[in-house]
C-alpha atoms as a PDB file:
ATOM      1  CA  MET A   1      78.743  47.347 140.608  1.00  0.00           C
ATOM      2  CA  ILE A   2      78.328  50.418 138.487  1.00  0.00           C
ATOM      3  CA  ASN A   3      75.191  52.527 138.770  1.00  0.00           C
ATOM      4  CA  LYS A   4      73.996  53.294 135.113  1.00  0.00           C
ATOM      5  CA  ILE A   5      71.893  56.085 136.190  1.00  0.00           C
ATOM      6  CA  GLU A   6      74.785  57.822 137.901  1.00  0.00           C
ATOM      7  CA  PHE A   7      77.041  56.950 134.896  1.00  0.00           C
ATOM      8  CA  ASP A   8      74.571  58.320 132.340  1.00  0.00           C
ATOM      9  CA  LYS A   9      74.241  61.594 134.423  1.00  0.00           C
ATOM     10  CA  LEU A  10      78.140  61.841 134.502  1.00  0.00           C
ATOM     11  CA  LYS A  11      78.045  61.503 130.618  1.00  0.00           C
ATOM     12  CA  ALA A  12      75.360  64.216 130.341  1.00  0.00           C
ATOM     13  CA  GLU A  13      77.580  66.544 132.417  1.00  0.00           C
ATOM     14  CA  GLU A  14      80.523  65.644 130.227  1.00  0.00           C
ATOM     15  CA  GLU A  15      78.535  66.491 127.121  1.00  0.00           C
ATOM     16  CA  LYS A  16      77.305  69.727 128.466  1.00  0.00           C
ATOM     17  CA  ALA A  17      80.914  70.644 129.513  1.00  0.00           C
ATOM     18  CA  TYR A  18      82.226  69.774 126.081  1.00  0.00           C
ATOM     19  CA  LEU A  19      79.741  71.920 124.258  1.00  0.00           C
ATOM     20  CA  ALA A  20      80.440  74.815 126.620  1.00  0.00           C
ATOM     21  CA  GLN A  21      84.119  74.672 126.109  1.00  0.00           C
ATOM     22  CA  LYS A  22      83.607  74.164 122.452  1.00  0.00           C
ATOM     23  CA  LYS A  23      81.433  77.214 122.097  1.00  0.00           C
ATOM     24  CA  VAL A  24      83.988  79.397 124.092  1.00  0.00           C
ATOM     25  CA  TYR A  25      86.797  77.914 122.051  1.00  0.00           C
ATOM     26  CA  HIS A  26      85.277  79.115 118.788  1.00  0.00           C
ATOM     27  CA  GLU A  27      84.776  82.628 120.498  1.00  0.00           C
ATOM     28  CA  TYR A  28      88.338  82.526 121.511  1.00  0.00           C
ATOM     29  CA  LYS A  29      89.618  81.429 118.158  1.00  0.00           C
ATOM     30  CA  ARG A  30      87.590  84.313 116.517  1.00  0.00           C
ATOM     31  CA  ALA A  31      89.185  86.760 119.009  1.00  0.00           C
ATOM     32  CA  ARG A  32      92.741  85.343 118.495  1.00  0.00           C
ATOM     33  CA  ASP A  33      92.377  85.556 114.705  1.00  0.00           C
ATOM     34  CA  CYS A  34      91.085  89.239 115.177  1.00  0.00           C
ATOM     35  CA  ALA A  35      94.066  89.943 117.435  1.00  0.00           C
ATOM     36  CA  ASN A  36      96.433  88.503 114.806  1.00  0.00           C
ATOM     37  CA  ASP A  37      94.949  90.501 112.093  1.00  0.00           C
ATOM     38  CA  LEU A  38      95.155  93.713 114.163  1.00  0.00           C
ATOM     39  CA  TYR A  39      98.754  92.809 115.169  1.00  0.00           C
ATOM     40  CA  ASP A  40      99.663  92.643 111.373  1.00  0.00           C
ATOM     41  CA  GLU A  41      97.835  96.003 110.768  1.00  0.00           C
ATOM     42  CA  ARG A  42      99.618  97.458 113.736  1.00  0.00           C
ATOM     43  CA  GLY A  43     102.955  96.429 112.250  1.00  0.00           C
ATOM     44  CA  GLU A  44     101.964  98.477 109.167  1.00  0.00           C
ATOM     45  CA  THR A  45     100.998 101.546 111.105  1.00  0.00           C
ATOM     46  CA  ILE A  46     104.259 101.327 113.170  1.00  0.00           C
ATOM     47  CA  LYS A  47     106.296 101.178 109.859  1.00  0.00           C
ATOM     48  CA  ALA A  48     104.404 104.181 108.529  1.00  0.00           C
ATOM     49  CA  ARG A  49     104.776 106.097 111.858  1.00  0.00           C
ATOM     50  CA  ASN A  50     108.577 105.414 111.904  1.00  0.00           C
ATOM     51  CA  SER A  51     108.930 106.301 108.131  1.00  0.00           C
ATOM     52  CA  THR A  52     107.103 109.544 108.418  1.00  0.00           C
ATOM     53  CA  ARG A  53     109.100 110.397 111.712  1.00  0.00           C
ATOM     54  CA  GLU A  54     112.335 109.966 109.919  1.00  0.00           C
ATOM     55  CA  ILE A  55     111.179 112.239 107.132  1.00  0.00           C
ATOM     56  CA  MET A  56     110.109 114.832 109.593  1.00  0.00           C
ATOM     57  CA  LEU A  57     113.403 114.672 111.384  1.00  0.00           C
ATOM     58  CA  GLU A  58     115.309 115.110 108.155  1.00  0.00           C
ATOM     59  CA  GLU A  59     113.323 118.111 107.240  1.00  0.00           C
ATOM     60  CA  TYR A  60     113.804 119.477 110.687  1.00  0.00           C
ATOM     61  CA  ASP A  61     117.618 119.117 110.428  1.00  0.00           C
ATOM     62  CA  LYS A  62     117.451 120.919 106.929  1.00  0.00           C
ATOM     63  CA  LEU A  63     115.292 123.706 108.490  1.00  0.00           C
ATOM     64  CA  ASP A  64     117.564 123.929 111.515  1.00  0.00           C
ATOM     65  CA  SER A  65     120.626 124.207 109.256  1.00  0.00           C
ATOM     66  CA  ARG A  66     119.057 127.023 107.163  1.00  0.00           C
ATOM     67  CA  ASN A  67     117.965 128.707 110.263  1.00  0.00           C
ATOM     68  CA  GLU A  68     121.480 128.517 111.757  1.00  0.00           C
ATOM     69  CA  HIS A  69     122.959 129.983 108.473  1.00  0.00           C
ATOM     70  CA  TYR A  70     120.124 132.685 108.688  1.00  0.00           C
ATOM     71  CA  ARG A  71     120.943 133.539 112.348  1.00  0.00           C
ATOM     72  CA  THR A  72     124.689 133.702 111.620  1.00  0.00           C
ATOM     73  CA  VAL A  73     124.396 135.946 108.611  1.00  0.00           C
ATOM     74  CA  TRP A  74     121.875 138.423 110.285  1.00  0.00           C
ATOM     75  CA  SER A  75     123.741 138.336 113.604  1.00  0.00           C
ATOM     76  CA  ASP A  76     126.864 139.577 111.526  1.00  0.00           C
ATOM     77  CA  TYR A  77     124.641 142.143 109.932  1.00  0.00           C
ATOM     78  CA  GLU A  78     123.274 143.341 113.152  1.00  0.00           C
ATOM     79  CA  ARG A  79     126.761 143.585 114.651  1.00  0.00           C
ATOM     80  CA  LEU A  80     128.039 145.618 111.649  1.00  0.00           C
ATOM     81  CA  GLN A  81     124.967 147.857 111.787  1.00  0.00           C
ATOM     82  CA  ALA A  82     125.441 148.509 115.508  1.00  0.00           C
ATOM     83  CA  GLU A  83     129.105 149.456 114.924  1.00  0.00           C
ATOM     84  CA  LYS A  84     128.259 151.607 111.879  1.00  0.00           C
ATOM     85  CA  LYS A  85     125.383 153.307 113.786  1.00  0.00           C
ATOM     86  CA  ALA A  86     127.640 154.229 116.657  1.00  0.00           C
ATOM     87  CA  GLN A  87     129.986 155.822 114.178  1.00  0.00           C
ATOM     88  CA  ILE A  88     127.041 157.601 112.502  1.00  0.00           C
ATOM     89  CA  ASP A  89     125.662 158.857 115.781  1.00  0.00           C
ATOM     90  CA  GLU A  90     129.091 160.346 116.614  1.00  0.00           C
ATOM     91  CA  LEU A  91     129.592 161.916 113.216  1.00  0.00           C
ATOM     92  CA  VAL A  92     126.114 163.337 113.149  1.00  0.00           C
ATOM     93  CA  LYS A  93     126.848 164.951 116.549  1.00  0.00           C
ATOM     94  CA  LYS A  94     130.016 166.477 115.178  1.00  0.00           C
ATOM     95  CA  ALA A  95     128.114 167.559 111.980  1.00  0.00           C
ATOM     96  CA  GLN A  96     125.516 169.280 114.115  1.00  0.00           C
ATOM     97  CA  ASP A  97     128.150 171.051 116.090  1.00  0.00           C
ATOM     98  CA  GLU A  98     129.731 172.187 112.864  1.00  0.00           C
ATOM     99  CA  ASN A  99     126.553 173.315 111.493  1.00  0.00           C
ATOM    100  CA  ARG A 100     125.742 175.287 114.699  1.00  0.00           C
ATOM    101  CA  MET A 101     129.180 176.949 114.672  1.00  0.00           C
ATOM    102  CA  MET A 102     128.759 177.669 110.968  1.00  0.00           C
ATOM    103  CA  GLN A 103     125.351 179.321 111.679  1.00  0.00           C
ATOM    104  CA  ASP A 104     126.845 181.394 114.499  1.00  0.00           C
ATOM    105  CA  CYS A 105     129.617 182.577 112.165  1.00  0.00           C
ATOM    106  CA  PHE A 106     127.156 183.607 109.436  1.00  0.00           C
ATOM    107  CA  ASP A 107     125.098 185.386 111.982  1.00  0.00           C
ATOM    108  CA  MET A 108     128.042 187.373 113.157  1.00  0.00           C
ATOM    109  CA  VAL A 109     128.707 188.257 109.455  1.00  0.00           C
ATOM    110  CA  VAL A 110     125.250 189.635 109.158  1.00  0.00           C
ATOM    111  CA  LEU A 111     125.776 191.742 112.244  1.00  0.00           C
ATOM    112  CA  ASP A 112     129.168 192.977 111.230  1.00  0.00           C
ATOM    113  CA  LYS A 113     127.843 194.013 107.862  1.00  0.00           C
ATOM    114  CA  ARG A 114     125.170 196.093 109.605  1.00  0.00           C
ATOM    115  CA  SER A 115     127.927 197.667 111.773  1.00  0.00           C
ATOM    116  CA  ARG A 116     130.112 198.161 108.770  1.00  0.00           C
ATOM    117  CA  ASN A 117     132.953 196.177 110.323  1.00  0.00           C
ATOM    118  CA  SER A 118     134.078 194.486 107.188  1.00  0.00           C
ATOM    119  CA  SER A 119     137.444 193.040 108.461  1.00  0.00           C
ATOM    120  CA  ARG A 120     135.646 191.117 111.237  1.00  0.00           C
ATOM    121  CA  SER A 121     132.985 190.163 108.787  1.00  0.00           C
ATOM    122  CA  GLN A 122     135.458 188.536 106.444  1.00  0.00           C
ATOM    123  CA  LYS A 123     136.990 186.657 109.377  1.00  0.00           C
ATOM    124  CA  TYR A 124     133.615 185.090 110.390  1.00  0.00           C
ATOM    125  CA  SER A 125     132.762 184.412 106.785  1.00  0.00           C
ATOM    126  CA  ARG A 126     135.924 182.391 106.382  1.00  0.00           C
ATOM    127  CA  GLU A 127     135.385 180.510 109.608  1.00  0.00           C
ATOM    128  CA  GLY A 128     131.748 179.783 108.641  1.00  0.00           C
ATOM    129  CA  ALA A 129     132.963 178.435 105.321  1.00  0.00           C
ATOM    130  CA  ARG A 130     135.408 176.081 107.151  1.00  0.00           C
ATOM    131  CA  HIS A 131     132.602 174.917 109.465  1.00  0.00           C
ATOM    132  CA  LYS A 132     130.379 174.331 106.461  1.00  0.00           C
ATOM    133  CA  ASP A 133     133.115 172.287 104.743  1.00  0.00           C
ATOM    134  CA  LYS A 134     133.632 170.129 107.894  1.00  0.00           C
ATOM    135  CA  ARG A 135     129.948 169.779 108.240  1.00  0.00           C
ATOM    136  CA  ASN A 136     129.586 168.650 104.585  1.00  0.00           C
ATOM    137  CA  SER A 137     132.465 166.270 104.983  1.00  0.00           C
ATOM    138  CA  LEU A 138     130.987 164.641 108.005  1.00  0.00           C
ATOM    139  CA  ASN A 139     127.674 164.379 106.272  1.00  0.00           C
ATOM    140  CA  LYS A 140     129.271 162.585 103.421  1.00  0.00           C
ATOM    141  CA  LYS A 141     130.883 160.174 105.865  1.00  0.00           C
ATOM    142  CA  VAL A 142     127.544 159.557 107.464  1.00  0.00           C
ATOM    143  CA  LYS A 143     125.913 158.880 104.052  1.00  0.00           C
ATOM    144  CA  LYS A 144     128.742 156.539 103.155  1.00  0.00           C
ATOM    145  CA  LEU A 145     128.173 154.583 106.436  1.00  0.00           C
ATOM    146  CA  ARG A 146     124.488 154.361 105.754  1.00  0.00           C
ATOM    147  CA  GLN A 147     125.066 153.067 102.316  1.00  0.00           C
ATOM    148  CA  GLU A 148     127.367 150.418 103.831  1.00  0.00           C
ATOM    149  CA  ILE A 149     124.629 149.373 106.110  1.00  0.00           C
ATOM    150  CA  ASP A 150     122.159 149.225 103.188  1.00  0.00           C
ATOM    151  CA  ARG A 151     124.521 147.147 101.046  1.00  0.00           C
ATOM    152  CA  ALA A 152     125.167 144.829 104.069  1.00  0.00           C
ATOM    153  CA  ARG A 153     121.414 144.383 104.440  1.00  0.00           C
ATOM    154  CA  GLU A 154     121.012 143.513 100.826  1.00  0.00           C
ATOM    155  CA  ARG A 155     123.824 141.006 100.931  1.00  0.00           C
ATOM    156  CA  ALA A 156     122.261 139.347 103.912  1.00  0.00           C
ATOM    157  CA  LYS A 157     118.878 139.231 102.122  1.00  0.00           C
ATOM    158  CA  GLN A 158     120.401 137.347  99.209  1.00  0.00           C
ATOM    159  CA  SER A 159     122.608 135.155 101.346  1.00  0.00           C
ATOM    160  CA  ALA A 160     119.996 134.294 103.872  1.00  0.00           C
ATOM    161  CA  PRO A 161     116.432 134.979 102.865  1.00  0.00           C
ATOM    162  CA  LYS A 162     113.668 134.236 105.368  1.00  0.00           C
ATOM    163  CA  THR A 163     113.565 130.504 105.805  1.00  0.00           C
ATOM    164  CA  ASP A 164     110.637 128.552 104.375  1.00  0.00           C
ATOM    165  CA  SER A 165     109.409 125.932 106.705  1.00  0.00           C
ATOM    166  CA  SER A 166     106.606 124.534 104.669  1.00  0.00           C
ATOM    167  CA  ASP A 167     108.402 121.169 103.880  1.00  0.00           C
ATOM    168  CA  TYR A 168     109.007 120.639 107.581  1.00  0.00           C
ATOM    169  CA  GLN A 169     105.427 121.593 108.413  1.00  0.00           C
ATOM    170  CA  ARG A 170     104.077 119.155 105.721  1.00  0.00           C
ATOM    171  CA  ALA A 171     106.308 116.314 107.087  1.00  0.00           C
ATOM    172  CA  LYS A 172     105.224 117.078 110.542  1.00  0.00           C
ATOM    173  CA  ALA A 173     101.585 116.953 109.662  1.00  0.00           C
ATOM    174  CA  ALA A 174     102.114 113.540 107.890  1.00  0.00           C
ATOM    175  CA  PHE A 175     103.903 112.253 110.980  1.00  0.00           C
ATOM    176  CA  GLN A 176     100.998 113.469 113.292  1.00  0.00           C
ATOM    177  CA  ARG A 177      98.488 111.669 111.095  1.00  0.00           C
ATOM    178  CA  ALA A 178     100.501 108.455 111.009  1.00  0.00           C
ATOM    179  CA  LYS A 179     101.049 108.703 114.815  1.00  0.00           C
ATOM    180  CA  ALA A 180      97.298 109.082 115.395  1.00  0.00           C
ATOM    181  CA  ARG A 181      96.561 106.095 113.073  1.00  0.00           C
ATOM    182  CA  ASP A 182      99.125 104.049 114.961  1.00  0.00           C
ATOM    183  CA  GLU A 183      97.750 105.032 118.470  1.00  0.00           C
ATOM    184  CA  ALA A 184      94.196 104.124 117.361  1.00  0.00           C
ATOM    185  CA  ALA A 185      95.486 100.733 115.949  1.00  0.00           C
ATOM    186  CA  LYS A 186      97.331 100.093 119.208  1.00  0.00           C
ATOM    187  CA  ALA A 187      94.296 100.896 121.282  1.00  0.00           C
ATOM    188  CA  GLU A 188      92.134  98.425 119.089  1.00  0.00           C
ATOM    189  CA  PHE A 189      94.833  95.743 119.177  1.00  0.00           C
ATOM    190  CA  ASP A 190      95.143  96.108 123.033  1.00  0.00           C
ATOM    191  CA  LYS A 191      91.468  95.793 123.405  1.00  0.00           C
ATOM    192  CA  ALA A 192      91.443  92.686 121.200  1.00  0.00           C
ATOM    193  CA  VAL A 193      94.354  91.068 123.153  1.00  0.00           C
ATOM    194  CA  VAL A 194      92.342  91.641 126.422  1.00  0.00           C
ATOM    195  CA  GLU A 195      89.219  89.921 124.959  1.00  0.00           C
ATOM    196  CA  ARG A 196      91.355  87.171 123.436  1.00  0.00           C
ATOM    197  CA  ASN A 197      93.143  86.484 126.848  1.00  0.00           C
ATOM    198  CA  LEU A 198      89.893  86.450 128.803  1.00  0.00           C
ATOM    199  CA  LEU A 199      88.226  83.943 126.408  1.00  0.00           C
ATOM    200  CA  LYS A 200      91.530  81.822 126.501  1.00  0.00           C
ATOM    201  CA  ALA A 201      91.417  81.668 130.268  1.00  0.00           C
ATOM    202  CA  GLU A 202      87.691  80.828 130.148  1.00  0.00           C
ATOM    203  CA  HIS A 203      88.191  78.138 127.625  1.00  0.00           C
ATOM    204  CA  GLU A 204      91.018  76.602 129.572  1.00  0.00           C
ATOM    205  CA  THR A 205      88.818  76.424 132.670  1.00  0.00           C
ATOM    206  CA  LEU A 206      85.854  74.880 130.807  1.00  0.00           C
ATOM    207  CA  LYS A 207      88.219  72.407 128.981  1.00  0.00           C
ATOM    208  CA  ALA A 208      89.816  71.386 132.288  1.00  0.00           C
ATOM    209  CA  LYS A 209      86.383  70.511 133.722  1.00  0.00           C
ATOM    210  CA  TYR A 210      85.563  68.595 130.511  1.00  0.00           C
ATOM    211  CA  LEU A 211      88.702  66.607 130.725  1.00  0.00           C
ATOM    212  CA  ARG A 212      88.194  65.904 134.367  1.00  0.00           C
ATOM    213  CA  LEU A 213      84.694  64.423 133.639  1.00  0.00           C
ATOM    214  CA  LYS A 214      86.146  62.571 130.642  1.00  0.00           C
ATOM    215  CA  GLU A 215      88.879  60.975 132.866  1.00  0.00           C
ATOM    216  CA  GLU A 216      86.334  60.156 135.491  1.00  0.00           C
ATOM    217  CA  ILE A 217      84.080  58.399 133.103  1.00  0.00           C
ATOM    218  CA  GLN A 218      86.983  56.454 131.592  1.00  0.00           C
ATOM    219  CA  ASN A 219      88.114  55.351 135.151  1.00  0.00           C
ATOM    220  CA  GLU A 220      84.634  54.279 135.909  1.00  0.00           C
ATOM    221  CA  LEU A 221      84.451  52.236 132.692  1.00  0.00           C
ATOM    222  CA  ASN A 222      87.905  50.720 133.286  1.00  0.00           C
ATOM    223  CA  ALA A 223      87.069  49.658 136.824  1.00  0.00           C
ATOM    224  CA  TYR A 224      83.745  48.194 135.732  1.00  0.00           C
ATOM    225  CA  TYR A 225      85.640  46.155 133.136  1.00  0.00           C
ATOM    226  CA  GLN A 226      88.005  44.783 135.681  1.00  0.00           C
ATOM    227  CA  GLU A 227      85.049  43.944 137.863  1.00  0.00           C
ATOM    228  CA  LEU A 228      83.184  42.083 135.190  1.00  0.00           C
ATOM    229  CA  THR A 229      86.204  40.113 133.838  1.00  0.00           C
ATOM    230  CA  SER A 230      88.231  39.414 136.921  1.00  0.00           C
ATOM    231  CA  ASP A 231      86.985  35.844 137.313  1.00  0.00           C
ATOM    232  CA  LYS A 232      85.981  35.109 133.682  1.00  0.00           C
ATOM    233  CA  ALA A 233      87.660  33.526 130.721  1.00  0.00           C
ATOM    234  CA  LEU A 234      88.461  35.911 128.123  1.00  0.00           C
ATOM    235  CA  LYS A 235      88.779  35.700 124.305  1.00  0.00           C
ATOM    236  CA  LEU A 236      90.713  38.550 122.620  1.00  0.00           C
ATOM    237  CA  LEU A 237      90.480  39.391 118.897  1.00  0.00           C
ATOM    238  CA  SER A 238      92.494  42.150 117.420  1.00  0.00           C
ATOM    239  CA  ARG A 239      90.767  44.069 114.779  1.00  0.00           C
ATOM    240  CA  GLU A 240      92.583  44.159 111.291  1.00  0.00           C
ATOM    241  CA  ASP A 241      91.252  47.555 110.308  1.00  0.00           C
ATOM    242  CA  GLY A 242      94.248  49.570 111.440  1.00  0.00           C
ATOM    243  CA  SER A 243      92.435  51.119 114.434  1.00  0.00           C
ATOM    244  CA  GLY A 244      94.408  49.241 117.046  1.00  0.00           C
ATOM    245  CA  LYS A 245      91.285  48.053 118.822  1.00  0.00           C
ATOM    246  CA  THR A 246      90.758  44.794 120.413  1.00  0.00           C
ATOM    247  CA  ASP A 247      87.446  43.021 120.966  1.00  0.00           C
ATOM    248  CA  VAL A 248      87.170  41.104 124.316  1.00  0.00           C
ATOM    249  CA  TYR A 249      84.615  38.419 124.862  1.00  0.00           C
ATOM    250  CA  PHE A 250      84.126  37.196 128.316  1.00  0.00           C
ATOM    251  CA  GLY A 251      82.082  34.690 130.344  1.00  0.00           C
ATOM    252  CA  GLY A 252      79.384  32.926 128.394  1.00  0.00           C
ATOM    253  CA  PHE A 253      78.182  29.305 128.479  1.00  0.00           C
ATOM    254  CA  ARG A 254      80.607  27.157 130.526  1.00  0.00           C
ATOM    255  CA  ASN A 255      82.818  30.319 130.870  1.00  0.00           C
ATOM    256  CA  THR A 256      84.506  29.828 127.464  1.00  0.00           C
ATOM    257  CA  GLY A 257      84.640  33.572 126.782  1.00  0.00           C
ATOM    258  CA  ASP A 258      82.727  33.658 123.599  1.00  0.00           C
ATOM    259  CA  GLY A 259      80.003  31.117 124.570  1.00  0.00           C
ATOM    260  CA  LEU A 260      76.278  31.551 124.835  1.00  0.00           C
ATOM    261  CA  GLY A 261      75.541  34.536 126.948  1.00  0.00           C
ATOM    262  CA  HIS A 262      79.085  36.099 126.751  1.00  0.00           C
ATOM    263  CA  GLY A 263      79.809  39.699 127.533  1.00  0.00           C
ATOM    264  CA  HIS A 264      81.639  42.042 125.114  1.00  0.00           C
ATOM    265  CA  ALA A 265      84.146  44.768 125.572  1.00  0.00           C
ATOM    266  CA  VAL A 266      86.187  47.018 123.247  1.00  0.00           C
ATOM    267  CA  ILE A 267      89.762  47.936 124.277  1.00  0.00           C
ATOM    268  CA  GLU A 268      91.412  50.951 122.533  1.00  0.00           C
ATOM    269  CA  SER A 269      95.000  51.027 121.482  1.00  0.00           C
ATOM    270  CA  ASP A 270      95.876  52.998 124.537  1.00  0.00           C
ATOM    271  CA  GLY A 271      94.490  50.224 126.807  1.00  0.00           C
ATOM    272  CA  ASN A 272      91.393  52.043 127.904  1.00  0.00           C
ATOM    273  CA  VAL A 273      87.940  50.490 127.614  1.00  0.00           C
ATOM    274  CA  SER A 274      85.620  52.290 125.218  1.00  0.00           C
ATOM    275  CA  PHE A 275      82.629  49.967 125.242  1.00  0.00           C
ATOM    276  CA  ILE A 276      81.247  47.240 127.492  1.00  0.00           C
ATOM    277  CA  ARG A 277      78.160  44.922 127.493  1.00  0.00           C
ATOM    278  CA  ASP A 278      77.297  42.843 130.414  1.00  0.00           C
ATOM    279  CA  ALA A 279      75.189  39.919 129.177  1.00  0.00           C
ATOM    280  CA  LYS A 280      74.019  38.981 132.700  1.00  0.00           C
ATOM    281  CA  SER A 281      72.723  42.477 133.695  1.00  0.00           C
ATOM    282  CA  GLY A 282      71.990  43.787 130.194  1.00  0.00           C
ATOM    283  CA  VAL A 283      73.974  46.972 130.930  1.00  0.00           C
ATOM    284  CA  ILE A 284      75.676  48.604 128.061  1.00  0.00           C
ATOM    285  CA  LEU A 285      78.110  51.476 128.665  1.00  0.00           C
ATOM    286  CA  SER A 286      80.483  53.304 126.338  1.00  0.00           C
ATOM    287  CA  ILE A 287      82.449  56.508 126.161  1.00  0.00           C
ATOM    288  CA  THR A 288      81.779  59.308 123.667  1.00  0.00           C
ATOM    289  CA  ASN A 289      84.553  60.308 121.379  1.00  0.00           C
ATOM    290  CA  TYR A 290      84.106  63.970 121.060  1.00  0.00           C
ATOM    291  CA  GLU A 291      86.025  65.844 118.325  1.00  0.00           C
ATOM    292  CA  GLU A 292      89.006  67.549 119.873  1.00  0.00           C
ATOM    293  CA  GLU A 293      89.676  71.147 118.822  1.00  0.00           C
ATOM    294  CA  ASP A 294      92.994  71.707 116.975  1.00  0.00           C
ATOM    295  CA  GLU A 295      94.628  74.575 118.917  1.00  0.00           C
END
């Protein structure tokens, strides 16, 4: 015999469990929708990050190519400058020696003139003139080498001016901004996923409790139906409303099923009892069909 008080208490627990899981389900659904929206937003930030990264790398390759040309041109110039400078240093030293010897000769000319030694004075004068010509010739070579260095520098400036990295710097700054936005979007999305997963787990736990209570109530009702009808005549009438339900009348006067004082039960299309009324005890029991959430 079923205990109606205990049965009603079980139904109250079922209702409480249903409402609890429904409340958490709506929180989970909100968190799930939020995570989905953030996932879509993250897709856009990833695309922006990848796009700006590609542009930055392209600009870097262009800059690196210009830098490589710059390095090559100026490396060639520095090598030429070093070679020419070595030649200049050697020629300058020789010119200084010629100038010193020229000066020595001219000093001797002055001394010989004072001593009235004209023959030796002419000799030193000629030697001094030769040293002067050599000095001047060497200085001309030095000047020519310096001009070659200057012309090489101008050619290098025209061929490889100082590289402008502004395009690369702008592309890099754009990438850094896109990267920062993507990292912020990822952090927000990850946070939303954690919240969604926690609520999903909580909902599954609460729903399992609700379904367990629902099954327990159904089993109680099915067992009570078997207890009441096991030794009674039954009259079954299928409903013609498309619901698949069957009305079962049992017992009654002279045990005809639908006689005076009969009991009544409703059997669902799945074979489970959803309603039962025992005319003898006056007990009426039923299940509650709660709205199931569409997940």
